[in-house]
Amino acid sequence: MWHDGFAMSSPDPFSTIATFLLMVGIFGGGAYLIARSIAGDRLHIGPRHHRVQNHLDDNDPKVILDRRFANGEITVEQYKEALDLLGYGNFDAHSTGGQ
């Protein structure tokens, strides 16, 4: 009845392959989690995605002007004049109204 530790004379090939894949998944997943916890954010598998950080320079005159306009500290006319003085061109050149 028992031949070399198996209940049948030959083991089922499907169960052998399934068991092997399960063990590879368990050990591989465990190794990945351990490596990830040790390496932290330095462990990258696959292509790196570059994150674009949107940091505006607080010393840039255009940024200061845009913020003042957005906060309502200056009028539209003052904004247009300041853009022209700073060399960013005439604001009316981009407008589509009245043409």
Protein backbone atom coordinates (compact mmCIF):
# COMPACT_ATOMS: atom_id res chain seq x y z
CA MET A 1 0.00 0.00 0.00
CA TRP A 2 2.74 2.54 0.89
CA HIS A 3 5.60 2.74 -1.62
CA ASP A 4 8.51 5.01 -0.78
CA GLY A 5 6.38 7.31 1.37
CA PHE A 6 3.63 7.90 -1.17
CA ALA A 7 0.10 6.59 -0.92
CA MET A 8 0.12 5.76 -4.64
CA SER A 9 2.72 4.13 -6.78
CA SER A 10 3.39 7.46 -8.59
CA PRO A 11 2.56 10.97 -7.36
CA ASP A 12 0.09 13.12 -9.27
CA PRO A 13 2.16 15.47 -11.52
CA PHE A 14 -0.35 18.32 -11.14
CA SER A 15 -0.15 18.33 -7.34
CA THR A 16 3.67 18.18 -7.49
CA ILE A 17 3.84 21.20 -9.83
CA ALA A 18 1.21 23.09 -7.84
CA THR A 19 3.07 22.45 -4.58
CA PHE A 20 6.36 23.58 -6.16
CA LEU A 21 4.81 26.81 -7.47
CA LEU A 22 3.18 27.48 -4.12
CA MET A 23 6.48 27.07 -2.30
CA VAL A 24 8.30 29.31 -4.81
CA GLY A 25 5.60 31.94 -4.33
CA ILE A 26 5.77 31.79 -0.56
CA PHE A 27 9.58 31.89 -0.36
CA GLY A 28 9.89 34.44 -3.16
CA GLY A 29 7.27 36.70 -1.62
CA GLY A 30 8.90 36.43 1.78
CA ALA A 31 12.32 37.27 0.33
CA TYR A 32 10.82 40.28 -1.50
CA LEU A 33 9.15 41.57 1.67
CA ILE A 34 12.33 41.16 3.70
CA ALA A 35 14.40 42.93 1.02
CA ARG A 36 11.84 45.71 0.78
CA SER A 37 11.81 46.26 4.53
CA ILE A 38 15.62 46.36 4.65
CA ALA A 39 16.17 48.51 1.55
CA GLY A 40 13.14 50.72 2.05
CA ASP A 41 12.45 53.06 -0.87
CA ARG A 42 15.80 52.25 -2.52
CA LEU A 43 14.49 48.92 -3.84
CA HIS A 44 13.07 49.50 -7.31
CA ILE A 45 11.84 46.65 -9.44
CA GLY A 46 10.88 47.62 -12.96
CA PRO A 47 11.08 51.03 -14.58
CA ARG A 48 11.49 54.02 -12.37
CA HIS A 49 8.78 56.61 -12.50
CA HIS A 50 10.12 60.10 -12.17
CA ARG A 51 7.99 62.20 -9.94
CA VAL A 52 7.62 65.76 -11.08
CA GLN A 53 7.70 68.01 -8.11
CA ASN A 54 5.93 71.29 -8.51
CA HIS A 55 8.03 73.61 -6.39
CA LEU A 56 7.63 77.23 -7.36
CA ASP A 57 10.48 79.60 -6.67
CA ASP A 58 9.18 82.12 -4.16
CA ASN A 59 11.81 84.61 -5.34
CA ASP A 60 10.67 84.51 -8.98
CA PRO A 61 8.93 87.83 -9.83
CA LYS A 62 6.38 86.08 -12.06
CA VAL A 63 5.40 83.70 -9.25
CA ILE A 64 5.06 86.59 -6.82
CA LEU A 65 2.97 88.53 -9.32
CA ASP A 66 0.74 85.52 -10.05
CA ARG A 67 0.14 84.94 -6.35
CA ARG A 68 -0.67 88.59 -5.70
CA PHE A 69 -3.15 88.56 -8.58
CA ALA A 70 -4.69 85.27 -7.42
CA ASN A 71 -5.07 86.62 -3.88
CA GLY A 72 -6.81 89.74 -5.18
CA GLU A 73 -4.06 92.11 -4.02
CA ILE A 74 -3.73 93.70 -7.49
CA THR A 75 -6.19 94.46 -10.25
CA VAL A 76 -6.25 93.05 -13.77
CA GLU A 77 -4.77 96.28 -15.12
CA GLN A 78 -1.94 96.21 -12.58
CA TYR A 79 -1.29 92.56 -13.39
CA LYS A 80 -1.12 93.24 -17.14
CA GLU A 81 1.16 96.24 -16.66
CA ALA A 82 3.48 94.30 -14.35
CA LEU A 83 3.67 91.41 -16.84
CA ASP A 84 4.66 93.85 -19.56
CA LEU A 85 7.26 95.55 -17.32
CA LEU A 86 8.77 92.20 -16.35
CA GLY A 87 9.15 91.25 -19.98
CA TYR A 88 6.53 88.53 -20.13
CA GLY A 89 4.82 90.19 -23.07
CA ASN A 90 1.48 91.88 -23.35
CA PHE A 91 -1.31 89.96 -21.66
CA ASP A 92 -3.78 91.04 -24.37
CA ALA A 93 -1.83 89.13 -27.03
CA HIS A 94 -3.16 85.86 -25.60
CA SER A 95 -6.74 86.94 -25.18
CA THR A 96 -9.38 85.95 -27.70
CA GLY A 97 -12.06 88.42 -26.66
CA GLY A 98 -13.19 91.10 -29.08
CA GLN A 99 -11.45 89.69 -32.16
